[in-house]
Amino acid sequence: MVEIVKPALEHLPSYKAALERGWSPDNVRLQEATREQLAAIEQDPVAFLASLEDPEARGGPITLPDGRQVARLPGFRRWIWDGEASGSIGLRWQKGTAQLPSHVLGHIGYAVVPWKRRRGYATQALRLMLDEARAVGLLYVEITAKPGNPASHKVILANGGRLVERFFEDAAYGGVESLRFRIEL
């Protein structure tokens, strides 16, 4: 059974092992994010876990891939779990609106460990995260995916998503073409 769990010390060894196997929870920053997370876990595991839960946006600014710093949005991460760490899924939003700043690619981002892909884990995790999005008051979520990522398109469509536009990502992410999907809640 696949579930999404709040990151906790009891799950941390399995999550750390997935990072050590080379998996990255960040589809943009990839191995840089993996190295940062491993270092943060090593330095202070409790603080690392706390950093993944920030619904009040109390953490410091976020550094975009181009080096610009922007205000943190409220958000949190959940780990995709089947008895061991199977991936990560995050939700971010702006209070009082479903709109997102142009530098934010979507409300929800997810990554499944390579050795557990093609088993429906992302589809189930997204379905569960939609309940969390409703709970914070969102009326819809937007999720982006590259045109050449049909696996992610399938996950989004299976959860009621519809393609709303082709667009070019913020320059911070290289300005590449992407697809924006919307799921009404």
N, C-alpha and C. Protein backbone atom coordinates (compact mmCIF):
# COMPACT_ATOMS: atom_id res chain seq x y z
N MET A 1 0.83 -1.18 0.00
CA MET A 1 0.00 0.00 0.00
C MET A 1 0.88 1.25 0.00
N VAL A 2 0.56 2.18 -0.85
CA VAL A 2 1.30 3.43 -0.94
C VAL A 2 0.55 4.50 -0.16
N GLU A 3 1.30 5.24 0.65
CA GLU A 3 0.72 6.36 1.38
C GLU A 3 1.69 7.52 1.32
N ILE A 4 1.23 8.68 1.75
CA ILE A 4 2.15 9.80 1.93
C ILE A 4 2.22 10.06 3.42
N VAL A 5 3.46 10.19 3.92
CA VAL A 5 3.67 10.36 5.35
C VAL A 5 4.42 11.66 5.61
N LYS A 6 4.13 12.24 6.76
CA LYS A 6 4.88 13.41 7.19
C LYS A 6 6.30 12.95 7.51
N PRO A 7 7.31 13.63 6.99
CA PRO A 7 8.69 13.23 7.31
C PRO A 7 8.92 13.17 8.81
N ALA A 8 9.52 12.07 9.26
CA ALA A 8 9.74 11.84 10.69
C ALA A 8 11.03 11.06 10.89
N LEU A 9 11.58 11.16 12.10
CA LEU A 9 12.83 10.45 12.41
C LEU A 9 12.75 8.96 12.12
N GLU A 10 11.59 8.35 12.37
CA GLU A 10 11.47 6.91 12.14
C GLU A 10 11.62 6.53 10.68
N HIS A 11 11.30 7.47 9.76
CA HIS A 11 11.41 7.21 8.32
C HIS A 11 12.73 7.72 7.72
N LEU A 12 13.46 8.50 8.49
CA LEU A 12 14.65 9.17 7.95
C LEU A 12 15.73 8.22 7.45
N PRO A 13 16.05 7.11 8.13
CA PRO A 13 17.10 6.22 7.60
C PRO A 13 16.78 5.71 6.18
N SER A 14 15.54 5.38 5.93
CA SER A 14 15.15 4.89 4.61
C SER A 14 15.24 6.01 3.57
N TYR A 15 14.79 7.21 3.93
CA TYR A 15 14.88 8.36 3.03
C TYR A 15 16.35 8.67 2.71
N LYS A 16 17.19 8.68 3.74
CA LYS A 16 18.61 8.94 3.54
C LYS A 16 19.23 7.88 2.62
N ALA A 17 18.84 6.64 2.79
CA ALA A 17 19.37 5.55 1.94
C ALA A 17 19.00 5.78 0.48
N ALA A 18 17.78 6.28 0.22
CA ALA A 18 17.38 6.58 -1.16
C ALA A 18 18.25 7.68 -1.74
N LEU A 19 18.53 8.71 -0.95
CA LEU A 19 19.42 9.78 -1.41
C LEU A 19 20.82 9.23 -1.70
N GLU A 20 21.31 8.37 -0.81
CA GLU A 20 22.65 7.79 -0.98
C GLU A 20 22.73 6.89 -2.22
N ARG A 21 21.61 6.36 -2.66
CA ARG A 21 21.58 5.55 -3.89
C ARG A 21 21.59 6.42 -5.14
N GLY A 22 21.53 7.76 -4.95
CA GLY A 22 21.62 8.66 -6.09
C GLY A 22 20.31 9.30 -6.51
N TRP A 23 19.21 8.99 -5.82
CA TRP A 23 17.92 9.58 -6.15
C TRP A 23 17.89 11.04 -5.71
N SER A 24 17.18 11.88 -6.45
CA SER A 24 16.99 13.27 -6.04
C SER A 24 15.50 13.57 -5.91
N PRO A 25 15.11 14.23 -4.81
CA PRO A 25 13.72 14.65 -4.64
C PRO A 25 13.39 15.90 -5.43
N ASP A 26 14.38 16.48 -6.08
CA ASP A 26 14.23 17.74 -6.81
C ASP A 26 14.50 17.50 -8.29
N ASN A 27 13.46 17.65 -9.11
CA ASN A 27 13.59 17.39 -10.54
C ASN A 27 14.29 18.50 -11.31
N VAL A 28 14.59 19.60 -10.65
CA VAL A 28 15.28 20.71 -11.30
C VAL A 28 16.75 20.73 -10.89
N ARG A 29 17.00 20.70 -9.59
CA ARG A 29 18.36 20.85 -9.08
C ARG A 29 19.08 19.50 -8.92
N LEU A 30 18.39 18.42 -9.09
CA LEU A 30 18.94 17.06 -9.11
C LEU A 30 19.98 16.80 -8.04
N GLN A 31 21.20 16.43 -8.46
CA GLN A 31 22.21 15.98 -7.49
C GLN A 31 22.67 17.07 -6.54
N GLU A 32 22.58 18.33 -6.94
CA GLU A 32 22.90 19.42 -6.02
C GLU A 32 21.96 19.37 -4.82
N ALA A 33 20.68 19.16 -5.07
CA ALA A 33 19.69 19.06 -3.99
C ALA A 33 19.95 17.82 -3.13
N THR A 34 20.33 16.73 -3.75
CA THR A 34 20.64 15.50 -3.01
C THR A 34 21.80 15.75 -2.05
N ARG A 35 22.87 16.36 -2.55
CA ARG A 35 24.02 16.66 -1.69
C ARG A 35 23.63 17.58 -0.53
N GLU A 36 22.83 18.60 -0.83
CA GLU A 36 22.40 19.53 0.22
C GLU A 36 21.58 18.82 1.29
N GLN A 37 20.67 17.94 0.86
CA GLN A 37 19.84 17.24 1.83
C GLN A 37 20.67 16.28 2.68
N LEU A 38 21.59 15.56 2.06
CA LEU A 38 22.44 14.65 2.85
C LEU A 38 23.27 15.43 3.87
N ALA A 39 23.78 16.59 3.47
CA ALA A 39 24.57 17.41 4.40
C ALA A 39 23.69 17.92 5.54
N ALA A 40 22.47 18.33 5.23
CA ALA A 40 21.55 18.84 6.26
C ALA A 40 21.15 17.73 7.23
N ILE A 41 20.93 16.53 6.71
CA ILE A 41 20.60 15.38 7.57
C ILE A 41 21.78 15.08 8.51
N GLU A 42 22.98 15.11 7.96
CA GLU A 42 24.18 14.84 8.75
C GLU A 42 24.37 15.89 9.85
N GLN A 43 24.15 17.15 9.50
CA GLN A 43 24.37 18.25 10.44
C GLN A 43 23.35 18.26 11.57
N ASP A 44 22.05 18.12 11.23
CA ASP A 44 21.00 18.20 12.25
C ASP A 44 19.72 17.56 11.70
N PRO A 45 19.53 16.28 11.95
CA PRO A 45 18.36 15.58 11.39
C PRO A 45 17.03 16.19 11.80
N VAL A 46 16.91 16.65 13.02
CA VAL A 46 15.64 17.24 13.49
C VAL A 46 15.36 18.54 12.75
N ALA A 47 16.37 19.37 12.60
CA ALA A 47 16.19 20.63 11.86
C ALA A 47 15.86 20.35 10.39
N PHE A 48 16.50 19.33 9.81
CA PHE A 48 16.19 18.97 8.42
C PHE A 48 14.72 18.62 8.28
N LEU A 49 14.22 17.78 9.17
CA LEU A 49 12.81 17.38 9.12
C LEU A 49 11.90 18.59 9.30
N ALA A 50 12.23 19.46 10.22
CA ALA A 50 11.43 20.67 10.46
C ALA A 50 11.39 21.56 9.23
N SER A 51 12.48 21.59 8.46
CA SER A 51 12.54 22.45 7.27
C SER A 51 11.58 22.00 6.18
N LEU A 52 11.12 20.77 6.25
CA LEU A 52 10.22 20.22 5.23
C LEU A 52 8.76 20.54 5.52
N GLU A 53 8.50 21.17 6.64
CA GLU A 53 7.13 21.50 7.07
C GLU A 53 7.08 22.99 7.39
N ASP A 54 6.62 23.81 6.43
CA ASP A 54 6.62 25.26 6.62
C ASP A 54 5.34 25.90 6.08
N PRO A 55 4.18 25.54 6.64
CA PRO A 55 2.92 26.08 6.12
C PRO A 55 2.72 27.57 6.39
N GLU A 56 3.57 28.16 7.21
CA GLU A 56 3.48 29.60 7.49
C GLU A 56 4.56 30.39 6.75
N ALA A 57 5.38 29.71 5.95
CA ALA A 57 6.47 30.36 5.18
C ALA A 57 7.41 31.14 6.10
N ARG A 58 7.79 30.52 7.19
CA ARG A 58 8.68 31.18 8.16
C ARG A 58 10.15 31.00 7.80
N GLY A 59 10.46 30.07 6.91
CA GLY A 59 11.85 29.85 6.52
C GLY A 59 12.38 31.01 5.70
N GLY A 60 13.67 30.99 5.50
CA GLY A 60 14.32 32.06 4.73
C GLY A 60 13.96 32.01 3.26
N PRO A 61 14.52 32.94 2.50
CA PRO A 61 14.21 32.99 1.07
C PRO A 61 14.69 31.74 0.33
N ILE A 62 14.13 31.53 -0.83
CA ILE A 62 14.49 30.42 -1.71
C ILE A 62 15.45 30.95 -2.77
N THR A 63 16.49 30.19 -3.07
CA THR A 63 17.40 30.56 -4.15
C THR A 63 16.99 29.78 -5.39
N LEU A 64 16.66 30.51 -6.45
CA LEU A 64 16.28 29.90 -7.72
C LEU A 64 17.52 29.39 -8.44
N PRO A 65 17.34 28.52 -9.45
CA PRO A 65 18.49 27.98 -10.17
C PRO A 65 19.40 29.04 -10.79
N ASP A 66 18.87 30.23 -11.08
CA ASP A 66 19.71 31.28 -11.66
C ASP A 66 20.39 32.14 -10.59
N GLY A 67 20.19 31.80 -9.31
CA GLY A 67 20.84 32.52 -8.23
C GLY A 67 19.99 33.60 -7.57
N ARG A 68 18.88 33.99 -8.21
CA ARG A 68 18.00 34.99 -7.60
C ARG A 68 17.37 34.42 -6.34
N GLN A 69 17.15 35.31 -5.36
CA GLN A 69 16.45 34.89 -4.16
C GLN A 69 15.05 35.47 -4.16
N VAL A 70 14.08 34.64 -3.76
CA VAL A 70 12.67 35.05 -3.71
C VAL A 70 12.08 34.61 -2.38
N ALA A 71 11.01 35.26 -1.99
CA ALA A 71 10.34 34.91 -0.74
C ALA A 71 9.83 33.47 -0.79
N ARG A 72 9.94 32.80 0.32
CA ARG A 72 9.43 31.43 0.45
C ARG A 72 7.90 31.46 0.47
N LEU A 73 7.28 30.49 -0.16
CA LEU A 73 5.83 30.32 -0.09
C LEU A 73 5.50 29.32 1.02
N PRO A 74 4.30 29.40 1.55
CA PRO A 74 3.87 28.35 2.48
C PRO A 74 3.93 27.00 1.75
N GLY A 75 4.30 25.97 2.47
CA GLY A 75 4.35 24.65 1.83
C GLY A 75 4.85 23.58 2.77
N PHE A 76 4.82 22.34 2.27
CA PHE A 76 5.34 21.21 3.03
C PHE A 76 5.59 20.06 2.09
N ARG A 77 6.37 19.09 2.58
CA ARG A 77 6.69 17.86 1.86
C ARG A 77 6.09 16.68 2.58
N ARG A 78 5.75 15.70 1.81
CA ARG A 78 5.37 14.39 2.34
C ARG A 78 6.26 13.38 1.62
N TRP A 79 6.53 12.28 2.29
CA TRP A 79 7.30 11.23 1.66
C TRP A 79 6.36 10.14 1.18
N ILE A 80 6.62 9.67 -0.01
CA ILE A 80 5.86 8.56 -0.59
C ILE A 80 6.43 7.30 0.06
N TRP A 81 5.54 6.52 0.65
CA TRP A 81 5.96 5.44 1.54
C TRP A 81 5.21 4.16 1.24
N ASP A 82 5.93 3.04 1.14
CA ASP A 82 5.31 1.72 0.99
C ASP A 82 5.95 0.73 1.97
N GLY A 83 6.42 1.27 3.09
CA GLY A 83 7.21 0.48 4.03
C GLY A 83 8.65 0.95 4.01
N GLU A 84 9.00 1.67 2.96
CA GLU A 84 10.29 2.34 2.83
C GLU A 84 10.10 3.58 1.96
N ALA A 85 11.09 4.46 1.98
CA ALA A 85 11.01 5.69 1.19
C ALA A 85 10.94 5.34 -0.29
N SER A 86 9.90 5.86 -0.92
CA SER A 86 9.67 5.59 -2.35
C SER A 86 9.63 6.86 -3.17
N GLY A 87 9.77 8.00 -2.52
CA GLY A 87 9.76 9.27 -3.23
C GLY A 87 9.34 10.40 -2.32
N SER A 88 9.08 11.54 -2.95
CA SER A 88 8.74 12.75 -2.23
C SER A 88 7.72 13.53 -3.05
N ILE A 89 6.81 14.20 -2.35
CA ILE A 89 5.81 15.04 -3.00
C ILE A 89 5.62 16.28 -2.15
N GLY A 90 5.57 17.43 -2.79
CA GLY A 90 5.46 18.68 -2.05
C GLY A 90 4.30 19.52 -2.55
N LEU A 91 3.78 20.35 -1.65
CA LEU A 91 2.70 21.28 -1.94
C LEU A 91 3.14 22.66 -1.52
N ARG A 92 2.90 23.66 -2.38
CA ARG A 92 3.17 25.07 -2.03
C ARG A 92 2.03 25.91 -2.56
N TRP A 93 1.79 27.05 -1.92
CA TRP A 93 0.66 27.89 -2.30
C TRP A 93 0.90 29.30 -1.80
N GLN A 94 0.05 30.22 -2.22
CA GLN A 94 0.03 31.57 -1.68
C GLN A 94 -1.27 31.71 -0.89
N LYS A 95 -1.19 32.29 0.28
CA LYS A 95 -2.40 32.45 1.09
C LYS A 95 -3.41 33.35 0.38
N GLY A 96 -4.67 32.92 0.40
CA GLY A 96 -5.76 33.72 -0.13
C GLY A 96 -5.98 33.65 -1.63
N THR A 97 -5.17 32.88 -2.34
CA THR A 97 -5.33 32.78 -3.80
C THR A 97 -4.76 31.45 -4.29
N ALA A 98 -5.26 31.00 -5.41
CA ALA A 98 -4.69 29.81 -6.05
C ALA A 98 -3.60 30.21 -7.05
N GLN A 99 -3.46 31.51 -7.31
CA GLN A 99 -2.43 31.99 -8.22
C GLN A 99 -1.04 31.76 -7.63
N LEU A 100 -0.07 31.58 -8.51
CA LEU A 100 1.32 31.42 -8.10
C LEU A 100 2.19 32.45 -8.81
N PRO A 101 3.28 32.88 -8.20
CA PRO A 101 4.21 33.77 -8.90
C PRO A 101 4.80 33.05 -10.12
N SER A 102 5.25 33.82 -11.11
CA SER A 102 5.75 33.22 -12.35
C SER A 102 6.97 32.34 -12.13
N HIS A 103 7.73 32.57 -11.07
CA HIS A 103 8.92 31.75 -10.82
C HIS A 103 8.59 30.42 -10.15
N VAL A 104 7.33 30.18 -9.81
CA VAL A 104 6.92 28.91 -9.20
C VAL A 104 6.26 28.06 -10.28
N LEU A 105 6.82 26.88 -10.52
CA LEU A 105 6.35 26.06 -11.64
C LEU A 105 5.02 25.37 -11.39
N GLY A 106 4.61 25.21 -10.15
CA GLY A 106 3.32 24.58 -9.88
C GLY A 106 3.09 24.44 -8.40
N HIS A 107 1.86 24.08 -8.05
CA HIS A 107 1.51 23.87 -6.64
C HIS A 107 2.13 22.58 -6.10
N ILE A 108 2.21 21.57 -6.95
CA ILE A 108 2.66 20.25 -6.50
C ILE A 108 3.80 19.78 -7.37
N GLY A 109 4.81 19.23 -6.73
CA GLY A 109 5.93 18.60 -7.42
C GLY A 109 6.20 17.26 -6.77
N TYR A 110 6.60 16.29 -7.56
CA TYR A 110 6.83 14.95 -7.01
C TYR A 110 7.97 14.27 -7.74
N ALA A 111 8.58 13.32 -7.05
CA ALA A 111 9.65 12.50 -7.63
C ALA A 111 9.61 11.13 -6.96
N VAL A 112 9.58 10.10 -7.76
CA VAL A 112 9.58 8.72 -7.28
C VAL A 112 10.97 8.14 -7.50
N VAL A 113 11.45 7.35 -6.55
CA VAL A 113 12.76 6.72 -6.72
C VAL A 113 12.73 5.85 -7.98
N PRO A 114 13.82 5.83 -8.75
CA PRO A 114 13.82 5.11 -10.04
C PRO A 114 13.45 3.63 -9.93
N TRP A 115 13.83 2.98 -8.84
CA TRP A 115 13.59 1.55 -8.72
C TRP A 115 12.14 1.21 -8.36
N LYS A 116 11.27 2.25 -8.22
CA LYS A 116 9.86 1.98 -7.94
C LYS A 116 8.93 2.70 -8.92
N ARG A 117 9.49 3.17 -10.01
CA ARG A 117 8.66 3.84 -11.01
C ARG A 117 7.84 2.81 -11.78
N ARG A 118 6.80 3.32 -12.43
CA ARG A 118 5.91 2.50 -13.27
C ARG A 118 5.07 1.52 -12.44
N ARG A 119 4.82 1.87 -11.17
CA ARG A 119 3.99 1.05 -10.29
C ARG A 119 2.76 1.81 -9.81
N GLY A 120 2.55 3.04 -10.28
CA GLY A 120 1.41 3.83 -9.87
C GLY A 120 1.63 4.65 -8.60
N TYR A 121 2.86 4.67 -8.10
CA TYR A 121 3.14 5.39 -6.86
C TYR A 121 2.87 6.89 -6.99
N ALA A 122 3.33 7.50 -8.08
CA ALA A 122 3.12 8.94 -8.27
C ALA A 122 1.63 9.25 -8.40
N THR A 123 0.90 8.41 -9.11
CA THR A 123 -0.54 8.62 -9.28
C THR A 123 -1.25 8.60 -7.93
N GLN A 124 -0.93 7.62 -7.11
CA GLN A 124 -1.56 7.52 -5.79
C GLN A 124 -1.12 8.67 -4.88
N ALA A 125 0.16 9.01 -4.90
CA ALA A 125 0.66 10.11 -4.05
C ALA A 125 -0.01 11.42 -4.43
N LEU A 126 -0.15 11.68 -5.73
CA LEU A 126 -0.82 12.91 -6.16
C LEU A 126 -2.27 12.90 -5.70
N ARG A 127 -2.96 11.78 -5.85
CA ARG A 127 -4.35 11.69 -5.40
C ARG A 127 -4.46 12.05 -3.91
N LEU A 128 -3.56 11.54 -3.11
CA LEU A 128 -3.57 11.82 -1.67
C LEU A 128 -3.22 13.29 -1.38
N MET A 129 -2.29 13.85 -2.14
CA MET A 129 -1.89 15.24 -1.92
C MET A 129 -3.01 16.20 -2.30
N LEU A 130 -3.90 15.81 -3.21
CA LEU A 130 -5.02 16.68 -3.57
C LEU A 130 -5.91 16.95 -2.35
N ASP A 131 -6.04 15.95 -1.46
CA ASP A 131 -6.79 16.16 -0.22
C ASP A 131 -6.12 17.24 0.64
N GLU A 132 -4.79 17.22 0.68
CA GLU A 132 -4.04 18.23 1.44
C GLU A 132 -4.24 19.61 0.82
N ALA A 133 -4.29 19.68 -0.51
CA ALA A 133 -4.50 20.96 -1.21
C ALA A 133 -5.88 21.53 -0.88
N ARG A 134 -6.88 20.67 -0.85
CA ARG A 134 -8.22 21.11 -0.45
C ARG A 134 -8.21 21.63 0.97
N ALA A 135 -7.49 20.96 1.85
CA ALA A 135 -7.45 21.32 3.26
C ALA A 135 -6.84 22.70 3.50
N VAL A 136 -5.93 23.14 2.61
CA VAL A 136 -5.36 24.49 2.78
C VAL A 136 -6.18 25.54 2.05
N GLY A 137 -7.30 25.11 1.42
CA GLY A 137 -8.23 26.06 0.82
C GLY A 137 -8.08 26.31 -0.67
N LEU A 138 -7.26 25.53 -1.35
CA LEU A 138 -7.12 25.73 -2.80
C LEU A 138 -8.34 25.22 -3.54
N LEU A 139 -8.74 25.93 -4.59
CA LEU A 139 -9.85 25.52 -5.44
C LEU A 139 -9.37 24.69 -6.63
N TYR A 140 -8.09 24.84 -6.95
CA TYR A 140 -7.46 24.05 -8.00
C TYR A 140 -5.96 24.02 -7.73
N VAL A 141 -5.29 23.10 -8.37
CA VAL A 141 -3.82 23.08 -8.36
C VAL A 141 -3.33 23.05 -9.79
N GLU A 142 -2.18 23.65 -9.98
CA GLU A 142 -1.51 23.58 -11.27
C GLU A 142 -0.21 22.80 -11.09
N ILE A 143 0.07 21.99 -12.09
CA ILE A 143 1.27 21.15 -12.09
C ILE A 143 1.87 21.28 -13.48
N THR A 144 3.19 21.44 -13.54
CA THR A 144 3.84 21.55 -14.83
C THR A 144 4.65 20.29 -15.11
N ALA A 145 4.83 20.02 -16.39
CA ALA A 145 5.63 18.89 -16.83
C ALA A 145 6.21 19.22 -18.20
N LYS A 146 7.38 18.72 -18.46
CA LYS A 146 8.00 18.94 -19.77
C LYS A 146 7.22 18.17 -20.84
N PRO A 147 7.19 18.69 -22.07
CA PRO A 147 6.48 18.00 -23.15
C PRO A 147 6.97 16.56 -23.37
N GLY A 148 8.24 16.29 -23.09
CA GLY A 148 8.79 14.95 -23.31
C GLY A 148 8.69 14.04 -22.10
N ASN A 149 7.75 14.30 -21.19
CA ASN A 149 7.60 13.48 -19.99
C ASN A 149 6.19 12.87 -19.93
N PRO A 150 5.91 11.93 -20.84
CA PRO A 150 4.56 11.35 -20.87
C PRO A 150 4.17 10.61 -19.60
N ALA A 151 5.13 10.10 -18.84
CA ALA A 151 4.80 9.41 -17.59
C ALA A 151 4.14 10.39 -16.61
N SER A 152 4.69 11.60 -16.52
CA SER A 152 4.10 12.59 -15.62
C SER A 152 2.76 13.07 -16.16
N HIS A 153 2.63 13.23 -17.47
CA HIS A 153 1.34 13.62 -18.05
C HIS A 153 0.27 12.61 -17.65
N LYS A 154 0.62 11.34 -17.72
CA LYS A 154 -0.32 10.27 -17.39
C LYS A 154 -0.76 10.34 -15.93
N VAL A 155 0.18 10.62 -15.03
CA VAL A 155 -0.11 10.75 -13.60
C VAL A 155 -1.12 11.88 -13.38
N ILE A 156 -0.87 13.02 -14.01
CA ILE A 156 -1.72 14.19 -13.83
C ILE A 156 -3.11 13.94 -14.42
N LEU A 157 -3.15 13.40 -15.62
CA LEU A 157 -4.44 13.13 -16.28
C LEU A 157 -5.26 12.10 -15.50
N ALA A 158 -4.60 11.11 -14.91
CA ALA A 158 -5.30 10.09 -14.13
C ALA A 158 -5.96 10.68 -12.88
N ASN A 159 -5.49 11.86 -12.47
CA ASN A 159 -6.06 12.53 -11.31
C ASN A 159 -6.99 13.68 -11.70
N GLY A 160 -7.48 13.66 -12.93
CA GLY A 160 -8.44 14.66 -13.36
C GLY A 160 -7.85 15.91 -13.95
N GLY A 161 -6.55 15.91 -14.19
CA GLY A 161 -5.90 17.08 -14.75
C GLY A 161 -6.28 17.30 -16.20
N ARG A 162 -6.22 18.56 -16.61
CA ARG A 162 -6.40 18.88 -18.02
C ARG A 162 -5.32 19.88 -18.40
N LEU A 163 -4.84 19.74 -19.63
CA LEU A 163 -3.82 20.64 -20.13
C LEU A 163 -4.45 22.01 -20.35
N VAL A 164 -3.85 23.05 -19.76
CA VAL A 164 -4.38 24.40 -19.92
C VAL A 164 -3.50 25.27 -20.80
N GLU A 165 -2.19 24.97 -20.88
CA GLU A 165 -1.35 25.77 -21.77
C GLU A 165 0.03 25.19 -21.94
N ARG A 166 0.61 25.56 -23.08
CA ARG A 166 2.05 25.41 -23.33
C ARG A 166 2.63 26.76 -23.01
N PHE A 167 3.77 26.79 -22.33
CA PHE A 167 4.36 28.07 -21.98
C PHE A 167 5.87 27.90 -21.87
N PHE A 168 6.55 29.00 -21.70
CA PHE A 168 7.99 28.96 -21.49
C PHE A 168 8.25 29.31 -20.02
N GLU A 169 8.98 28.43 -19.36
CA GLU A 169 9.26 28.61 -17.94
C GLU A 169 10.02 29.91 -17.69
N ASP A 170 9.92 30.39 -16.46
CA ASP A 170 10.66 31.56 -16.02
C ASP A 170 12.14 31.38 -16.41
N ALA A 171 12.80 32.48 -16.71
CA ALA A 171 14.20 32.45 -17.10
C ALA A 171 15.07 31.77 -16.05
N ALA A 172 14.67 31.83 -14.78
CA ALA A 172 15.43 31.19 -13.71
C ALA A 172 15.60 29.70 -13.97
N TYR A 173 14.67 29.10 -14.69
CA TYR A 173 14.72 27.67 -15.00
C TYR A 173 15.17 27.40 -16.43
N GLY A 174 15.68 28.41 -17.08
CA GLY A 174 16.21 28.23 -18.43
C GLY A 174 15.26 28.62 -19.54
N GLY A 175 14.04 29.04 -19.21
CA GLY A 175 13.10 29.49 -20.23
C GLY A 175 12.66 28.41 -21.21
N VAL A 176 12.74 27.15 -20.82
CA VAL A 176 12.38 26.05 -21.71
C VAL A 176 10.86 25.87 -21.78
N GLU A 177 10.41 25.24 -22.87
CA GLU A 177 8.98 24.99 -23.04
C GLU A 177 8.50 23.98 -22.02
N SER A 178 7.30 24.19 -21.51
CA SER A 178 6.69 23.31 -20.55
C SER A 178 5.19 23.28 -20.76
N LEU A 179 4.53 22.35 -20.10
CA LEU A 179 3.09 22.21 -20.16
C LEU A 179 2.52 22.49 -18.77
N ARG A 180 1.40 23.24 -18.73
CA ARG A 180 0.74 23.50 -17.45
C ARG A 180 -0.60 22.76 -17.46
N PHE A 181 -0.79 21.95 -16.42
CA PHE A 181 -2.02 21.21 -16.23
C PHE A 181 -2.74 21.78 -15.02
N ARG A 182 -4.06 21.67 -15.01
CA ARG A 182 -4.85 22.13 -13.86
C ARG A 182 -5.76 20.99 -13.41
N ILE A 183 -5.86 20.84 -12.09
CA ILE A 183 -6.79 19.89 -11.50
C ILE A 183 -7.73 20.69 -10.62
N GLU A 184 -9.01 20.69 -10.95
CA GLU A 184 -10.01 21.37 -10.12
C GLU A 184 -10.25 20.53 -8.88
N LEU A 185 -10.37 21.19 -7.74
CA LEU A 185 -10.55 20.45 -6.48
C LEU A 185 -12.00 20.51 -6.01
